[in-house]
Protein backbone atom coordinates (compact mmCIF):
# COMPACT_ATOMS: atom_id res chain seq x y z
CA UNK A 1 -17.01 -18.99 17.51
CA UNK A 2 -13.62 -20.20 16.26
CA UNK A 3 -10.29 -18.51 16.71
CA UNK A 4 -8.51 -18.01 13.40
CA UNK A 5 -4.76 -18.51 13.53
CA UNK A 6 -4.31 -19.76 9.98
CA UNK A 7 -0.72 -20.13 8.75
CA UNK A 8 0.46 -17.62 6.14
CA UNK A 9 2.88 -18.32 3.30
CA UNK A 10 5.54 -15.60 3.00
CA UNK A 11 7.39 -14.29 -0.07
CA UNK A 12 10.14 -11.69 -0.38
CA UNK A 13 9.97 -9.02 -3.08
CA UNK A 14 12.61 -9.43 -5.78
CA UNK A 15 14.85 -6.38 -5.80
CA UNK A 16 15.71 -6.14 -9.49
CA UNK A 17 12.54 -7.65 -10.97
CA UNK A 18 10.71 -4.35 -11.40
CA UNK A 19 8.38 -4.14 -14.41
CA UNK A 20 6.98 -0.79 -15.50
CA UNK A 21 3.57 -0.90 -17.16
CA UNK A 22 1.42 1.85 -18.72
CA UNK A 23 -0.46 3.88 -16.11
CA UNK A 24 -3.45 6.18 -16.57
CA UNK A 25 -2.51 8.81 -14.01
CA UNK A 26 -5.73 10.83 -14.34
CA UNK A 27 -7.83 7.83 -13.28
CA UNK A 28 -10.66 5.96 -14.96
CA UNK A 29 -14.20 7.01 -14.17
CA UNK A 30 -16.23 4.37 -12.40
CA UNK A 31 -19.48 6.20 -13.22
CA UNK A 32 -20.71 7.06 -16.68
CA UNK A 33 -18.29 6.31 -19.51
CA UNK A 34 -16.36 9.10 -21.13
CA UNK A 35 -14.28 9.16 -24.31
CA UNK A 36 -11.08 7.17 -23.76
CA UNK A 37 -8.03 9.29 -23.15
CA UNK A 38 -4.82 8.47 -24.91
CA UNK A 39 -2.04 7.04 -22.78
CA UNK A 40 0.28 9.86 -21.87
CA UNK A 41 3.33 7.62 -21.62
CA UNK A 42 3.29 7.48 -17.83
CA UNK A 43 4.48 4.17 -16.46
CA UNK A 44 4.31 2.65 -13.00
CA UNK A 45 5.97 -0.27 -11.26
CA UNK A 46 3.71 -1.62 -8.51
CA UNK A 47 6.62 -2.79 -6.38
CA UNK A 48 7.95 0.78 -6.31
CA UNK A 49 4.54 1.94 -5.05
CA UNK A 50 3.85 -0.72 -2.42
CA UNK A 51 7.39 -1.40 -1.14
CA UNK A 52 8.76 1.48 0.94
CA UNK A 53 11.53 -0.44 2.72
CA UNK A 54 12.74 -3.37 0.61
CA UNK A 55 14.84 -4.99 3.34
CA UNK A 56 11.87 -5.07 5.74
CA UNK A 57 9.04 -5.88 3.31
CA UNK A 58 7.50 -9.27 2.71
CA UNK A 59 4.46 -10.58 0.89
CA UNK A 60 2.11 -13.22 2.27
CA UNK A 61 -0.98 -14.90 0.88
CA UNK A 62 -3.99 -14.54 3.19
CA UNK A 63 -5.82 -17.72 4.12
CA UNK A 64 -9.25 -17.83 5.68
CA UNK A 65 -11.97 -15.23 6.07
CA UNK A 66 -11.49 -13.70 9.52
CA UNK A 67 -10.53 -10.30 8.01
CA UNK A 68 -13.15 -9.91 5.26
CA UNK A 69 -14.58 -6.80 6.94
CA UNK A 70 -11.20 -5.11 6.44
CA UNK A 71 -11.16 -6.06 2.76
CA UNK A 72 -8.78 -9.00 3.20
CA UNK A 73 -10.16 -12.10 1.53
CA UNK A 74 -8.85 -15.64 1.19
CA UNK A 75 -6.08 -15.68 -1.42
CA UNK A 76 -5.27 -11.95 -1.31
CA UNK A 77 -1.61 -10.96 -1.25
CA UNK A 78 -0.62 -8.89 1.79
CA UNK A 79 2.26 -6.42 1.67
CA UNK A 80 3.86 -6.43 5.12
CA UNK A 81 6.40 -3.90 6.37
CA UNK A 82 8.35 -5.10 9.41
CA UNK A 83 9.97 -1.68 9.96
CA UNK A 84 6.70 0.04 10.93
CA UNK A 85 5.76 0.64 14.55
CA UNK A 86 2.76 -1.39 15.72
CA UNK A 87 0.01 1.06 16.66
CA UNK A 88 -3.55 0.81 17.87
CA UNK A 89 -6.04 -0.05 15.10
CA UNK A 90 -3.37 -1.10 12.58
CA UNK A 91 -3.69 -4.42 10.79
CA UNK A 92 -0.75 -6.60 11.71
CA UNK A 93 0.70 -9.99 11.02
CA UNK A 94 1.20 -11.51 14.44
CA UNK A 95 3.02 -14.59 15.60
CA UNK A 96 1.12 -15.91 18.61
CA UNK A 97 1.84 -19.17 20.36
CA UNK A 98 3.77 -20.54 17.39
CA UNK A 99 1.28 -19.60 14.66
CA UNK A 100 0.89 -16.65 12.30
CA UNK A 101 -2.35 -14.72 12.02
CA UNK A 102 -3.42 -11.38 10.56
CA UNK A 103 -5.62 -9.23 12.81
CA UNK A 104 -6.33 -5.64 13.79
CA UNK A 105 -4.39 -4.58 16.90
CA UNK A 106 -6.41 -3.12 19.76
CA UNK A 107 -4.25 -1.71 22.53
CA UNK A 108 -5.88 -1.01 25.87
CA UNK A 109 -4.29 0.22 29.07
CA UNK A 110 -3.42 -3.22 30.44
CA UNK A 111 -4.13 -5.51 27.51
CA UNK A 112 -3.71 -6.17 23.79
CA UNK A 113 -6.42 -7.75 21.66
CA UNK A 114 -6.10 -9.19 18.18
CA UNK A 115 -9.40 -8.33 16.54
CA UNK A 116 -10.83 -10.21 13.55
CA UNK A 117 -12.95 -8.28 11.04
CA UNK A 118 -15.59 -10.99 10.78
CA UNK A 119 -18.23 -11.56 13.46
CA UNK A 120 -17.90 -15.34 13.01
CA UNK A 121 -14.56 -15.13 14.85
CA UNK A 122 -13.70 -14.16 18.41
CA UNK A 123 -11.11 -11.58 19.37
CA UNK A 124 -7.90 -13.01 20.79
CA UNK A 125 -7.08 -11.52 24.18
CA UNK A 126 -3.33 -11.60 24.66
CA UNK A 127 -2.42 -12.60 28.19
CA UNK A 128 0.84 -13.25 30.02
CA UNK A 129 0.51 -16.92 29.05
CA UNK A 130 0.67 -16.08 25.33
CA UNK A 131 3.86 -15.69 23.36
CA UNK A 132 3.16 -12.74 20.98
CA UNK A 133 5.37 -11.11 18.38
CA UNK A 134 3.89 -8.40 16.19
CA UNK A 135 5.77 -9.47 13.09
CA UNK A 136 4.83 -6.61 10.74
CA UNK A 137 2.18 -4.12 9.64
CA UNK A 138 0.02 -4.72 6.57
CA UNK A 139 0.40 -1.74 4.24
CA UNK A 140 -1.39 -2.96 1.09
CA UNK A 141 -3.73 -5.75 0.02
CA UNK A 142 -3.46 -6.99 -3.58
CA UNK A 143 -6.61 -8.65 -4.91
CA UNK A 144 -7.65 -10.50 -7.99
CA UNK A 145 -11.11 -10.03 -9.41
């Protein structure tokens, strides 16, 4: 099984480029159709929803398929907050041995593992020989359909 340490391409959010679009706040039923509701004038700017700390937030495009079980597919845009504390079971962008990867963090008493969410890939056991920086925590995944 391969290890996946695919490089990520990073982008910074643009501070003053906010665009507000119409938003159906009551939701749209995914079951049986119902009569369409009129827009109530509510607007939303996605950057204001997904960016909590602008100075510490970055975007990156996911490459590869090691995290498909977590809903992260090749080409998805990750929203990464560098101000959040790395915690067990969080999905993180990690810089290990000179390469970026996105994995779920598993913290054990004497060890840290970087866990893929695809059984085709092996977990990465972080040892003293590895150079690891937990670069940021993934807070949102933006997909195209």
